[in-house]
């Protein structure tokens, strides 16, 4: 999966996702750190990348309606320390059918995964 990691996620996460077969880029690698959410969103869409973020500015599933983009994972951990973020996200990409999340709006907590798909979009 082609992934873009927002600046609020550990850079090491990209390395680990690449190691398990994904094509993960970070906002930092692309000199987008400090840019607006709109810039980051637009870059992810232009590159056909699935965005992973903790930024609540991306939490409106009406604004980011499933099927209108390449997909997004909003991570909501309490507390969101580096270790828990890395473990949770890598664990998802190792155990879940994340390829079926393309085009979806996904919210994950410590215990739950909520997947909003476009009407008619299938997933497991």
PDB file of N, CA and C in Angstrom:
ATOM      1  N   UNK A   1       0.840  -1.176   0.000  1.00  0.00           N
ATOM      2  CA  UNK A   1       0.000   0.000   0.000  1.00  0.00           C
ATOM      3  C   UNK A   1       0.886   1.240   0.000  1.00  0.00           C
ATOM      4  N   UNK A   2       0.445   2.252  -0.736  1.00  0.00           N
ATOM      5  CA  UNK A   2       1.143   3.545  -0.767  1.00  0.00           C
ATOM      6  C   UNK A   2       0.605   4.392   0.384  1.00  0.00           C
ATOM      7  N   UNK A   3       1.498   4.798   1.281  1.00  0.00           N
ATOM      8  CA  UNK A   3       1.110   5.461   2.528  1.00  0.00           C
ATOM      9  C   UNK A   3       1.865   6.774   2.682  1.00  0.00           C
ATOM     10  N   UNK A   4       1.171   7.777   3.262  1.00  0.00           N
ATOM     11  CA  UNK A   4       1.824   9.018   3.682  1.00  0.00           C
ATOM     12  C   UNK A   4       1.557   9.161   5.176  1.00  0.00           C
ATOM     13  N   UNK A   5       2.625   9.367   5.949  1.00  0.00           N
ATOM     14  CA  UNK A   5       2.514   9.572   7.395  1.00  0.00           C
ATOM     15  C   UNK A   5       2.562  11.055   7.708  1.00  0.00           C
ATOM     16  N   UNK A   6       1.573  11.521   8.438  1.00  0.00           N
ATOM     17  CA  UNK A   6       1.530  12.914   8.852  1.00  0.00           C
ATOM     18  C   UNK A   6       2.668  13.190   9.826  1.00  0.00           C
ATOM     19  N   UNK A   7       2.968  14.461  10.046  1.00  0.00           N
ATOM     20  CA  UNK A   7       4.106  14.829  10.888  1.00  0.00           C
ATOM     21  C   UNK A   7       3.911  14.504  12.360  1.00  0.00           C
ATOM     22  N   UNK A   8       2.696  14.154  12.774  1.00  0.00           N
ATOM     23  CA  UNK A   8       2.446  13.827  14.174  1.00  0.00           C
ATOM     24  C   UNK A   8       2.652  12.346  14.484  1.00  0.00           C
ATOM     25  N   UNK A   9       3.270  11.630  13.567  1.00  0.00           N
ATOM     26  CA  UNK A   9       3.595  10.221  13.775  1.00  0.00           C
ATOM     27  C   UNK A   9       5.113  10.033  13.734  1.00  0.00           C
ATOM     28  N   UNK A  10       5.610   9.044  14.475  1.00  0.00           N
ATOM     29  CA  UNK A  10       7.059   8.810  14.491  1.00  0.00           C
ATOM     30  C   UNK A  10       7.600   8.458  13.096  1.00  0.00           C
ATOM     31  N   UNK A  11       8.699   9.075  12.717  1.00  0.00           N
ATOM     32  CA  UNK A  11       9.331   8.804  11.425  1.00  0.00           C
ATOM     33  C   UNK A  11       9.712   7.328  11.322  1.00  0.00           C
ATOM     34  N   UNK A  12      10.090   6.734  12.429  1.00  0.00           N
ATOM     35  CA  UNK A  12      10.468   5.307  12.448  1.00  0.00           C
ATOM     36  C   UNK A  12       9.344   4.412  11.932  1.00  0.00           C
ATOM     37  N   UNK A  13       8.108   4.855  12.078  1.00  0.00           N
ATOM     38  CA  UNK A  13       6.964   4.079  11.602  1.00  0.00           C
ATOM     39  C   UNK A  13       7.054   3.834  10.102  1.00  0.00           C
ATOM     40  N   UNK A  14       7.530   4.799   9.349  1.00  0.00           N
ATOM     41  CA  UNK A  14       7.683   4.624   7.901  1.00  0.00           C
ATOM     42  C   UNK A  14       8.669   3.498   7.598  1.00  0.00           C
ATOM     43  N   UNK A  15       9.761   3.467   8.326  1.00  0.00           N
ATOM     44  CA  UNK A  15      10.767   2.411   8.122  1.00  0.00           C
ATOM     45  C   UNK A  15      10.150   1.042   8.363  1.00  0.00           C
ATOM     46  N   UNK A  16       9.411   0.916   9.459  1.00  0.00           N
ATOM     47  CA  UNK A  16       8.798  -0.370   9.803  1.00  0.00           C
ATOM     48  C   UNK A  16       7.733  -0.780   8.785  1.00  0.00           C
ATOM     49  N   UNK A  17       6.937   0.172   8.319  1.00  0.00           N
ATOM     50  CA  UNK A  17       5.939  -0.152   7.299  1.00  0.00           C
ATOM     51  C   UNK A  17       6.603  -0.536   5.980  1.00  0.00           C
ATOM     52  N   UNK A  18       7.673   0.145   5.616  1.00  0.00           N
ATOM     53  CA  UNK A  18       8.429  -0.233   4.412  1.00  0.00           C
ATOM     54  C   UNK A  18       9.013  -1.632   4.558  1.00  0.00           C
ATOM     55  N   UNK A  19       9.480  -1.969   5.745  1.00  0.00           N
ATOM     56  CA  UNK A  19      10.068  -3.290   5.993  1.00  0.00           C
ATOM     57  C   UNK A  19       9.069  -4.429   5.830  1.00  0.00           C
ATOM     58  N   UNK A  20       7.771  -4.141   5.999  1.00  0.00           N
ATOM     59  CA  UNK A  20       6.765  -5.200   5.827  1.00  0.00           C
ATOM     60  C   UNK A  20       6.060  -5.093   4.468  1.00  0.00           C
ATOM     61  N   UNK A  21       6.671  -4.359   3.545  1.00  0.00           N
ATOM     62  CA  UNK A  21       6.219  -4.380   2.160  1.00  0.00           C
ATOM     63  C   UNK A  21       5.389  -3.212   1.678  1.00  0.00           C
ATOM     64  N   UNK A  22       5.248  -2.178   2.482  1.00  0.00           N
ATOM     65  CA  UNK A  22       4.480  -1.014   2.045  1.00  0.00           C
ATOM     66  C   UNK A  22       5.427   0.062   1.512  1.00  0.00           C
ATOM     67  N   UNK A  23       4.866   1.029   0.837  1.00  0.00           N
ATOM     68  CA  UNK A  23       5.617   2.162   0.301  1.00  0.00           C
ATOM     69  C   UNK A  23       5.206   3.385   1.113  1.00  0.00           C
ATOM     70  N   UNK A  24       5.879   3.583   2.241  1.00  0.00           N
ATOM     71  CA  UNK A  24       5.509   4.650   3.175  1.00  0.00           C
ATOM     72  C   UNK A  24       6.456   5.837   3.063  1.00  0.00           C
ATOM     73  N   UNK A  25       5.870   7.014   2.908  1.00  0.00           N
ATOM     74  CA  UNK A  25       6.609   8.278   2.904  1.00  0.00           C
ATOM     75  C   UNK A  25       6.142   9.090   4.102  1.00  0.00           C
ATOM     76  N   UNK A  26       7.013   9.962   4.584  1.00  0.00           N
ATOM     77  CA  UNK A  26       6.632  10.847   5.683  1.00  0.00           C
ATOM     78  C   UNK A  26       6.563  12.285   5.182  1.00  0.00           C
ATOM     79  N   UNK A  27       5.783  13.071   5.891  1.00  0.00           N
ATOM     80  CA  UNK A  27       5.700  14.496   5.606  1.00  0.00           C
ATOM     81  C   UNK A  27       7.085  15.120   5.763  1.00  0.00           C
ATOM     82  N   UNK A  28       7.858  14.636   6.744  1.00  0.00           N
ATOM     83  CA  UNK A  28       9.215  15.155   6.974  1.00  0.00           C
ATOM     84  C   UNK A  28      10.121  14.892   5.776  1.00  0.00           C
ATOM     85  N   UNK A  29      10.082  13.688   5.218  1.00  0.00           N
ATOM     86  CA  UNK A  29      10.926  13.338   4.074  1.00  0.00           C
ATOM     87  C   UNK A  29      10.634  14.220   2.866  1.00  0.00           C
ATOM     88  N   UNK A  30       9.406  14.674   2.767  1.00  0.00           N
ATOM     89  CA  UNK A  30       8.978  15.434   1.600  1.00  0.00           C
ATOM     90  C   UNK A  30       8.978  16.945   1.845  1.00  0.00           C
ATOM     91  N   UNK A  31       9.612  17.350   2.948  1.00  0.00           N
ATOM     92  CA  UNK A  31       9.698  18.773   3.312  1.00  0.00           C
ATOM     93  C   UNK A  31       8.326  19.439   3.426  1.00  0.00           C
ATOM     94  N   UNK A  32       7.355  18.690   3.923  1.00  0.00           N
ATOM     95  CA  UNK A  32       6.014  19.225   4.133  1.00  0.00           C
ATOM     96  C   UNK A  32       5.713  19.493   5.605  1.00  0.00           C
ATOM     97  N   UNK A  33       6.670  19.222   6.486  1.00  0.00           N
ATOM     98  CA  UNK A  33       6.458  19.481   7.913  1.00  0.00           C
ATOM     99  C   UNK A  33       6.170  20.961   8.100  1.00  0.00           C
ATOM    100  N   UNK A  34       5.156  21.260   8.884  1.00  0.00           N
ATOM    101  CA  UNK A  34       4.782  22.642   9.123  1.00  0.00           C
ATOM    102  C   UNK A  34       3.815  23.206   8.098  1.00  0.00           C
ATOM    103  N   UNK A  35       3.556  22.459   7.034  1.00  0.00           N
ATOM    104  CA  UNK A  35       2.596  22.908   6.027  1.00  0.00           C
ATOM    105  C   UNK A  35       1.177  22.727   6.551  1.00  0.00           C
ATOM    106  N   UNK A  36       0.250  23.345   5.883  1.00  0.00           N
ATOM    107  CA  UNK A  36      -1.146  23.247   6.295  1.00  0.00           C
ATOM    108  C   UNK A  36      -1.682  21.834   6.069  1.00  0.00           C
ATOM    109  N   UNK A  37      -2.749  21.522   6.792  1.00  0.00           N
ATOM    110  CA  UNK A  37      -3.416  20.236   6.586  1.00  0.00           C
ATOM    111  C   UNK A  37      -3.875  20.095   5.140  1.00  0.00           C
ATOM    112  N   UNK A  38      -4.316  21.185   4.550  1.00  0.00           N
ATOM    113  CA  UNK A  38      -4.758  21.156   3.145  1.00  0.00           C
ATOM    114  C   UNK A  38      -3.620  20.755   2.213  1.00  0.00           C
ATOM    115  N   UNK A  39      -2.424  21.279   2.470  1.00  0.00           N
ATOM    116  CA  UNK A  39      -1.258  20.924   1.655  1.00  0.00           C
ATOM    117  C   UNK A  39      -0.930  19.439   1.787  1.00  0.00           C
ATOM    118  N   UNK A  40      -0.975  18.951   3.008  1.00  0.00           N
ATOM    119  CA  UNK A  40      -0.653  17.536   3.259  1.00  0.00           C
ATOM    120  C   UNK A  40      -1.698  16.634   2.615  1.00  0.00           C
ATOM    121  N   UNK A  41      -2.966  17.006   2.773  1.00  0.00           N
ATOM    122  CA  UNK A  41      -4.048  16.237   2.166  1.00  0.00           C
ATOM    123  C   UNK A  41      -3.905  16.209   0.649  1.00  0.00           C
ATOM    124  N   UNK A  42      -3.659  17.366   0.064  1.00  0.00           N
ATOM    125  CA  UNK A  42      -3.515  17.458  -1.386  1.00  0.00           C
ATOM    126  C   UNK A  42      -2.328  16.622  -1.877  1.00  0.00           C
ATOM    127  N   UNK A  43      -1.217  16.668  -1.165  1.00  0.00           N
ATOM    128  CA  UNK A  43      -0.046  15.864  -1.546  1.00  0.00           C
ATOM    129  C   UNK A  43      -0.374  14.377  -1.496  1.00  0.00           C
ATOM    130  N   UNK A  44      -1.069  13.951  -0.455  1.00  0.00           N
ATOM    131  CA  UNK A  44      -1.443  12.532  -0.335  1.00  0.00           C
ATOM    132  C   UNK A  44      -2.338  12.119  -1.499  1.00  0.00           C
ATOM    133  N   UNK A  45      -3.282  12.980  -1.863  1.00  0.00           N
ATOM    134  CA  UNK A  45      -4.202  12.654  -2.955  1.00  0.00           C
ATOM    135  C   UNK A  45      -3.494  12.654  -4.305  1.00  0.00           C
ATOM    136  N   UNK A  46      -2.623  13.617  -4.540  1.00  0.00           N
ATOM    137  CA  UNK A  46      -1.891  13.677  -5.806  1.00  0.00           C
ATOM    138  C   UNK A  46      -0.996  12.457  -5.985  1.00  0.00           C
ATOM    139  N   UNK A  47      -0.482  11.930  -4.887  1.00  0.00           N
ATOM    140  CA  UNK A  47       0.410  10.770  -4.942  1.00  0.00           C
ATOM    141  C   UNK A  47      -0.338   9.452  -4.777  1.00  0.00           C
ATOM    142  N   UNK A  48      -1.665   9.501  -4.693  1.00  0.00           N
ATOM    143  CA  UNK A  48      -2.498   8.302  -4.478  1.00  0.00           C
ATOM    144  C   UNK A  48      -2.050   7.533  -3.240  1.00  0.00           C
ATOM    145  N   UNK A  49      -1.860   8.274  -2.134  1.00  0.00           N
ATOM    146  CA  UNK A  49      -1.399   7.659  -0.891  1.00  0.00           C
ATOM    147  C   UNK A  49      -2.486   7.666   0.178  1.00  0.00           C
ATOM    148  N   UNK A  50      -2.480   6.620   0.967  1.00  0.00           N
ATOM    149  CA  UNK A  50      -3.353   6.451   2.122  1.00  0.00           C
ATOM    150  C   UNK A  50      -2.725   7.252   3.260  1.00  0.00           C
ATOM    151  N   UNK A  51      -3.454   8.219   3.798  1.00  0.00           N
ATOM    152  CA  UNK A  51      -2.918   9.095   4.844  1.00  0.00           C
ATOM    153  C   UNK A  51      -3.139   8.496   6.221  1.00  0.00           C
ATOM    154  N   UNK A  52      -2.088   8.476   7.030  1.00  0.00           N
ATOM    155  CA  UNK A  52      -2.198   8.075   8.432  1.00  0.00           C
ATOM    156  C   UNK A  52      -1.869   9.296   9.272  1.00  0.00           C
ATOM    157  N   UNK A  53      -2.764   9.631  10.205  1.00  0.00           N
ATOM    158  CA  UNK A  53      -2.618  10.828  11.010  1.00  0.00           C
ATOM    159  C   UNK A  53      -3.242  10.650  12.388  1.00  0.00           C
ATOM    160  N   UNK A  54      -2.892  11.560  13.283  1.00  0.00           N
ATOM    161  CA  UNK A  54      -3.563  11.678  14.578  1.00  0.00           C
ATOM    162  C   UNK A  54      -4.313  13.006  14.656  1.00  0.00           C
ATOM    163  N   UNK A  55      -4.215  13.803  13.623  1.00  0.00           N
ATOM    164  CA  UNK A  55      -4.736  15.161  13.598  1.00  0.00           C
ATOM    165  C   UNK A  55      -6.264  15.158  13.534  1.00  0.00           C
ATOM    166  N   UNK A  56      -6.889  15.684  14.580  1.00  0.00           N
ATOM    167  CA  UNK A  56      -8.351  15.720  14.646  1.00  0.00           C
ATOM    168  C   UNK A  56      -8.967  16.642  13.589  1.00  0.00           C
ATOM    169  N   UNK A  57      -8.163  17.479  12.946  1.00  0.00           N
ATOM    170  CA  UNK A  57      -8.692  18.286  11.845  1.00  0.00           C
ATOM    171  C   UNK A  57      -9.141  17.398  10.681  1.00  0.00           C
ATOM    172  N   UNK A  58      -8.705  16.149  10.675  1.00  0.00           N
ATOM    173  CA  UNK A  58      -9.107  15.196   9.643  1.00  0.00           C
ATOM    174  C   UNK A  58     -10.243  14.279  10.108  1.00  0.00           C
ATOM    175  N   UNK A  59     -10.879  14.596  11.228  1.00  0.00           N
ATOM    176  CA  UNK A  59     -11.851  13.681  11.828  1.00  0.00           C
ATOM    177  C   UNK A  59     -13.267  13.767  11.269  1.00  0.00           C
ATOM    178  N   UNK A  60     -13.546  14.716  10.414  1.00  0.00           N
ATOM    179  CA  UNK A  60     -14.902  14.888   9.891  1.00  0.00           C
ATOM    180  C   UNK A  60     -15.131  13.952   8.704  1.00  0.00           C
ATOM    181  N   UNK A  61     -15.846  12.864   8.953  1.00  0.00           N
ATOM    182  CA  UNK A  61     -16.068  11.867   7.899  1.00  0.00           C
ATOM    183  C   UNK A  61     -16.997  12.386   6.802  1.00  0.00           C
ATOM    184  N   UNK A  62     -17.695  13.496   7.041  1.00  0.00           N
ATOM    185  CA  UNK A  62     -18.506  14.092   5.972  1.00  0.00           C
ATOM    186  C   UNK A  62     -17.596  14.861   5.012  1.00  0.00           C
ATOM    187  N   UNK A  63     -16.635  15.579   5.579  1.00  0.00           N
ATOM    188  CA  UNK A  63     -15.689  16.341   4.755  1.00  0.00           C
ATOM    189  C   UNK A  63     -14.757  15.403   3.984  1.00  0.00           C
ATOM    190  N   UNK A  64     -14.374  14.314   4.634  1.00  0.00           N
ATOM    191  CA  UNK A  64     -13.474  13.326   4.031  1.00  0.00           C
ATOM    192  C   UNK A  64     -14.266  12.046   3.760  1.00  0.00           C
ATOM    193  N   UNK A  65     -15.339  12.189   3.026  1.00  0.00           N
ATOM    194  CA  UNK A  65     -16.268  11.087   2.782  1.00  0.00           C
ATOM    195  C   UNK A  65     -15.585   9.910   2.090  1.00  0.00           C
ATOM    196  N   UNK A  66     -15.861   8.713   2.585  1.00  0.00           N
ATOM    197  CA  UNK A  66     -15.295   7.519   1.946  1.00  0.00           C
ATOM    198  C   UNK A  66     -15.638   7.490   0.459  1.00  0.00           C
ATOM    199  N   UNK A  67     -14.670   7.081  -0.335  1.00  0.00           N
ATOM    200  CA  UNK A  67     -14.859   6.995  -1.776  1.00  0.00           C
ATOM    201  C   UNK A  67     -14.465   8.256  -2.520  1.00  0.00           C
ATOM    202  N   UNK A  68     -14.146   9.337  -1.792  1.00  0.00           N
ATOM    203  CA  UNK A  68     -13.762  10.593  -2.446  1.00  0.00           C
ATOM    204  C   UNK A  68     -12.262  10.838  -2.364  1.00  0.00           C
ATOM    205  N   UNK A  69     -11.527   9.869  -1.813  1.00  0.00           N
ATOM    206  CA  UNK A  69     -10.084  10.014  -1.622  1.00  0.00           C
ATOM    207  C   UNK A  69      -9.435   8.634  -1.608  1.00  0.00           C
ATOM    208  N   UNK A  70      -8.144   8.602  -1.406  1.00  0.00           N
ATOM    209  CA  UNK A  70      -7.397   7.339  -1.439  1.00  0.00           C
ATOM    210  C   UNK A  70      -7.386   6.605  -0.107  1.00  0.00           C
ATOM    211  N   UNK A  71      -7.997   7.190   0.900  1.00  0.00           N
ATOM    212  CA  UNK A  71      -8.121   6.530   2.197  1.00  0.00           C
ATOM    213  C   UNK A  71      -7.352   7.247   3.286  1.00  0.00           C
ATOM    214  N   UNK A  72      -7.867   7.055   4.511  1.00  0.00           N
ATOM    215  CA  UNK A  72      -7.246   7.704   5.662  1.00  0.00           C
ATOM    216  C   UNK A  72      -7.457   6.852   6.903  1.00  0.00           C
ATOM    217  N   UNK A  73      -6.409   6.806   7.717  1.00  0.00           N
ATOM    218  CA  UNK A  73      -6.467   6.168   9.027  1.00  0.00           C
ATOM    219  C   UNK A  73      -6.222   7.250  10.068  1.00  0.00           C
ATOM    220  N   UNK A  74      -7.217   7.468  10.918  1.00  0.00           N
ATOM    221  CA  UNK A  74      -7.108   8.411  12.023  1.00  0.00           C
ATOM    222  C   UNK A  74      -6.856   7.597  13.279  1.00  0.00           C
ATOM    223  N   UNK A  75      -5.684   7.789  13.896  1.00  0.00           N
ATOM    224  CA  UNK A  75      -5.279   7.024  15.078  1.00  0.00           C
ATOM    225  C   UNK A  75      -5.623   7.835  16.321  1.00  0.00           C
ATOM    226  N   UNK A  76      -6.416   7.236  17.225  1.00  0.00           N
ATOM    227  CA  UNK A  76      -6.861   7.901  18.444  1.00  0.00           C
ATOM    228  C   UNK A  76      -6.489   7.051  19.655  1.00  0.00           C
ATOM    229  N   UNK A  77      -5.251   7.153  20.098  1.00  0.00           N
ATOM    230  CA  UNK A  77      -4.781   6.399  21.264  1.00  0.00           C
ATOM    231  C   UNK A  77      -4.662   7.330  22.458  1.00  0.00           C
ATOM    232  N   UNK A  78      -4.866   6.784  23.644  1.00  0.00           N
ATOM    233  CA  UNK A  78      -4.757   7.567  24.885  1.00  0.00           C
ATOM    234  C   UNK A  78      -3.889   6.806  25.879  1.00  0.00           C
ATOM    235  N   UNK A  79      -2.726   7.267  26.218  1.00  0.00           N
ATOM    236  CA  UNK A  79      -2.021   8.408  25.627  1.00  0.00           C
ATOM    237  C   UNK A  79      -1.303   7.971  24.348  1.00  0.00           C
ATOM    238  N   UNK A  80      -1.114   8.891  23.414  1.00  0.00           N
ATOM    239  CA  UNK A  80      -0.496   8.535  22.137  1.00  0.00           C
ATOM    240  C   UNK A  80       1.032   8.649  22.167  1.00  0.00           C
ATOM    241  N   UNK A  81       1.697   7.776  22.937  1.00  0.00           N
ATOM    242  CA  UNK A  81       3.159   7.843  22.948  1.00  0.00           C
ATOM    243  C   UNK A  81       3.721   7.111  21.729  1.00  0.00           C
ATOM    244  N   UNK A  82       4.984   7.377  21.439  1.00  0.00           N
ATOM    245  CA  UNK A  82       5.618   6.808  20.235  1.00  0.00           C
ATOM    246  C   UNK A  82       5.511   5.287  20.182  1.00  0.00           C
ATOM    247  N   UNK A  83       5.803   4.653  21.286  1.00  0.00           N
ATOM    248  CA  UNK A  83       5.802   3.191  21.307  1.00  0.00           C
ATOM    249  C   UNK A  83       4.411   2.633  21.005  1.00  0.00           C
ATOM    250  N   UNK A  84       3.378   3.181  21.666  1.00  0.00           N
ATOM    251  CA  UNK A  84       2.023   2.664  21.444  1.00  0.00           C
ATOM    252  C   UNK A  84       1.553   2.951  20.011  1.00  0.00           C
ATOM    253  N   UNK A  85       1.913   4.097  19.467  1.00  0.00           N
ATOM    254  CA  UNK A  85       1.549   4.421  18.085  1.00  0.00           C
ATOM    255  C   UNK A  85       2.177   3.433  17.109  1.00  0.00           C
ATOM    256  N   UNK A  86       3.473   3.205  17.276  1.00  0.00           N
ATOM    257  CA  UNK A  86       4.179   2.279  16.386  1.00  0.00           C
ATOM    258  C   UNK A  86       3.597   0.879  16.506  1.00  0.00           C
ATOM    259  N   UNK A  87       3.424   0.395  17.727  1.00  0.00           N
ATOM    260  CA  UNK A  87       2.897  -0.962  17.925  1.00  0.00           C
ATOM    261  C   UNK A  87       1.500  -1.120  17.338  1.00  0.00           C
ATOM    262  N   UNK A  88       0.639  -0.135  17.558  1.00  0.00           N
ATOM    263  CA  UNK A  88      -0.739  -0.258  17.082  1.00  0.00           C
ATOM    264  C   UNK A  88      -0.811  -0.209  15.559  1.00  0.00           C
ATOM    265  N   UNK A  89      -0.124   0.741  14.949  1.00  0.00           N
ATOM    266  CA  UNK A  89      -0.204   0.882  13.497  1.00  0.00           C
ATOM    267  C   UNK A  89       0.474  -0.293  12.790  1.00  0.00           C
ATOM    268  N   UNK A  90       1.669  -0.663  13.209  1.00  0.00           N
ATOM    269  CA  UNK A  90       2.343  -1.816  12.580  1.00  0.00           C
ATOM    270  C   UNK A  90       1.509  -3.078  12.788  1.00  0.00           C
ATOM    271  N   UNK A  91       0.965  -3.242  13.989  1.00  0.00           N
ATOM    272  CA  UNK A  91       0.112  -4.404  14.262  1.00  0.00           C
ATOM    273  C   UNK A  91      -1.078  -4.478  13.315  1.00  0.00           C
ATOM    274  N   UNK A  92      -1.689  -3.349  13.038  1.00  0.00           N
ATOM    275  CA  UNK A  92      -2.813  -3.318  12.094  1.00  0.00           C
ATOM    276  C   UNK A  92      -2.375  -3.752  10.703  1.00  0.00           C
ATOM    277  N   UNK A  93      -1.254  -3.217  10.246  1.00  0.00           N
ATOM    278  CA  UNK A  93      -0.798  -3.511   8.891  1.00  0.00           C
ATOM    279  C   UNK A  93      -0.236  -4.931   8.768  1.00  0.00           C
ATOM    280  N   UNK A  94       0.041  -5.576   9.881  1.00  0.00           N
ATOM    281  CA  UNK A  94       0.474  -6.980   9.854  1.00  0.00           C
ATOM    282  C   UNK A  94      -0.712  -7.939   9.974  1.00  0.00           C
ATOM    283  N   UNK A  95      -1.786  -7.523  10.627  1.00  0.00           N
ATOM    284  CA  UNK A  95      -2.861  -8.473  10.928  1.00  0.00           C
ATOM    285  C   UNK A  95      -4.181  -8.215  10.207  1.00  0.00           C
ATOM    286  N   UNK A  96      -4.411  -7.011   9.726  1.00  0.00           N
ATOM    287  CA  UNK A  96      -5.683  -6.680   9.091  1.00  0.00           C
ATOM    288  C   UNK A  96      -5.536  -6.628   7.574  1.00  0.00           C
ATOM    289  N   UNK A  97      -6.658  -6.720   6.887  1.00  0.00           N
ATOM    290  CA  UNK A  97      -6.683  -6.594   5.435  1.00  0.00           C
ATOM    291  C   UNK A  97      -6.723  -5.105   5.082  1.00  0.00           C
ATOM    292  N   UNK A  98      -5.597  -4.427   5.334  1.00  0.00           N
ATOM    293  CA  UNK A  98      -5.557  -2.977   5.143  1.00  0.00           C
ATOM    294  C   UNK A  98      -5.706  -2.575   3.683  1.00  0.00           C
ATOM    295  N   UNK A  99      -5.396  -3.471   2.758  1.00  0.00           N
ATOM    296  CA  UNK A  99      -5.580  -3.151   1.343  1.00  0.00           C
ATOM    297  C   UNK A  99      -7.051  -2.855   1.051  1.00  0.00           C
ATOM    298  N   UNK A 100      -7.955  -3.458   1.813  1.00  0.00           N
ATOM    299  CA  UNK A 100      -9.392  -3.209   1.608  1.00  0.00           C
ATOM    300  C   UNK A 100      -9.808  -1.844   2.150  1.00  0.00           C
ATOM    301  N   UNK A 101      -8.910  -1.155   2.842  1.00  0.00           N
ATOM    302  CA  UNK A 101      -9.202   0.164   3.397  1.00  0.00           C
ATOM    303  C   UNK A 101      -9.002   1.298   2.396  1.00  0.00           C
ATOM    304  N   UNK A 102      -8.432   1.004   1.242  1.00  0.00           N
ATOM    305  CA  UNK A 102      -8.202   2.054   0.248  1.00  0.00           C
ATOM    306  C   UNK A 102      -9.541   2.709  -0.078  1.00  0.00           C
ATOM    307  N   UNK A 103      -9.570   4.038  -0.014  1.00  0.00           N
ATOM    308  CA  UNK A 103     -10.785   4.791  -0.269  1.00  0.00           C
ATOM    309  C   UNK A 103     -11.694   4.928   0.938  1.00  0.00           C
ATOM    310  N   UNK A 104     -11.306   4.316   2.054  1.00  0.00           N
ATOM    311  CA  UNK A 104     -12.133   4.330   3.260  1.00  0.00           C
ATOM    312  C   UNK A 104     -11.633   5.352   4.274  1.00  0.00           C
ATOM    313  N   UNK A 105     -12.491   5.649   5.230  1.00  0.00           N
ATOM    314  CA  UNK A 105     -12.169   6.506   6.371  1.00  0.00           C
ATOM    315  C   UNK A 105     -12.140   5.575   7.574  1.00  0.00           C
ATOM    316  N   UNK A 106     -10.952   5.379   8.153  1.00  0.00           N
ATOM    317  CA  UNK A 106     -10.762   4.401   9.228  1.00  0.00           C
ATOM    318  C   UNK A 106     -10.328   5.128  10.495  1.00  0.00           C
ATOM    319  N   UNK A 107     -10.976   4.790  11.598  1.00  0.00           N
ATOM    320  CA  UNK A 107     -10.600   5.331  12.895  1.00  0.00           C
ATOM    321  C   UNK A 107     -10.234   4.152  13.786  1.00  0.00           C
ATOM    322  N   UNK A 108      -9.076   4.262  14.418  1.00  0.00           N
ATOM    323  CA  UNK A 108      -8.630   3.174  15.278  1.00  0.00           C
ATOM    324  C   UNK A 108      -8.311   3.710  16.674  1.00  0.00           C
ATOM    325  N   UNK A 109      -8.721   2.938  17.679  1.00  0.00           N
ATOM    326  CA  UNK A 109      -8.367   3.217  19.071  1.00  0.00           C
ATOM    327  C   UNK A 109      -7.560   2.029  19.569  1.00  0.00           C
ATOM    328  N   UNK A 110      -7.312   1.987  20.859  1.00  0.00           N
ATOM    329  CA  UNK A 110      -6.560   0.866  21.425  1.00  0.00           C
ATOM    330  C   UNK A 110      -7.256  -0.470  21.178  1.00  0.00           C
ATOM    331  N   UNK A 111      -8.578  -0.456  21.191  1.00  0.00           N
ATOM    332  CA  UNK A 111      -9.324  -1.714  21.118  1.00  0.00           C
ATOM    333  C   UNK A 111     -10.226  -1.868  19.899  1.00  0.00           C
ATOM    334  N   UNK A 112     -10.499  -0.793  19.201  1.00  0.00           N
ATOM    335  CA  UNK A 112     -11.491  -0.855  18.127  1.00  0.00           C
ATOM    336  C   UNK A 112     -10.958  -0.328  16.805  1.00  0.00           C
ATOM    337  N   UNK A 113     -11.605  -0.820  15.750  1.00  0.00           N
ATOM    338  CA  UNK A 113     -11.358  -0.334  14.402  1.00  0.00           C
ATOM    339  C   UNK A 113     -12.723  -0.014  13.810  1.00  0.00           C
ATOM    340  N   UNK A 114     -12.902   1.210  13.358  1.00  0.00           N
ATOM    341  CA  UNK A 114     -14.154   1.627  12.716  1.00  0.00           C
ATOM    342  C   UNK A 114     -13.825   1.970  11.274  1.00  0.00           C
ATOM    343  N   UNK A 115     -14.433   1.266  10.349  1.00  0.00           N
ATOM    344  CA  UNK A 115     -14.155   1.462   8.930  1.00  0.00           C
ATOM    345  C   UNK A 115     -15.413   1.980   8.239  1.00  0.00           C
ATOM    346  N   UNK A 116     -15.315   3.170   7.681  1.00  0.00           N
ATOM    347  CA  UNK A 116     -16.405   3.747   6.904  1.00  0.00           C
ATOM    348  C   UNK A 116     -16.016   3.625   5.432  1.00  0.00           C
ATOM    349  N   UNK A 117     -16.817   2.873   4.693  1.00  0.00           N
ATOM    350  CA  UNK A 117     -16.545   2.651   3.281  1.00  0.00           C
ATOM    351  C   UNK A 117     -17.592   3.377   2.436  1.00  0.00           C
ATOM    352  N   UNK A 118     -17.244   3.628   1.201  1.00  0.00           N
ATOM    353  CA  UNK A 118     -18.195   4.221   0.269  1.00  0.00           C
ATOM    354  C   UNK A 118     -19.332   3.223   0.031  1.00  0.00           C
ATOM    355  N   UNK A 119     -20.505   3.736  -0.253  1.00  0.00           N
ATOM    356  CA  UNK A 119     -21.639   2.855  -0.559  1.00  0.00           C
ATOM    357  C   UNK A 119     -21.267   1.934  -1.691  1.00  0.00           C
ATOM    358  N   UNK A 120     -21.511   0.669  -1.492  1.00  0.00           N
ATOM    359  CA  UNK A 120     -21.208  -0.330  -2.500  1.00  0.00           C
ATOM    360  C   UNK A 120     -19.784  -0.855  -2.450  1.00  0.00           C
ATOM    361  N   UNK A 121     -18.923  -0.236  -1.639  1.00  0.00           N
ATOM    362  CA  UNK A 121     -17.544  -0.707  -1.508  1.00  0.00           C
ATOM    363  C   UNK A 121     -17.513  -1.903  -0.586  1.00  0.00           C
ATOM    364  N   UNK A 122     -16.870  -2.953  -1.008  1.00  0.00           N
ATOM    365  CA  UNK A 122     -16.782  -4.172  -0.228  1.00  0.00           C
ATOM    366  C   UNK A 122     -15.520  -4.190   0.608  1.00  0.00           C
ATOM    367  N   UNK A 123     -15.558  -4.904   1.682  1.00  0.00           N
ATOM    368  CA  UNK A 123     -14.381  -5.079   2.535  1.00  0.00           C
ATOM    369  C   UNK A 123     -14.611  -6.247   3.452  1.00  0.00           C
ATOM    370  N   UNK A 124     -13.541  -6.657   4.119  1.00  0.00           N
ATOM    371  CA  UNK A 124     -13.687  -7.791   5.013  1.00  0.00           C
ATOM    372  C   UNK A 124     -13.890  -7.325   6.427  1.00  0.00           C
TER     373      UNK A 124
END
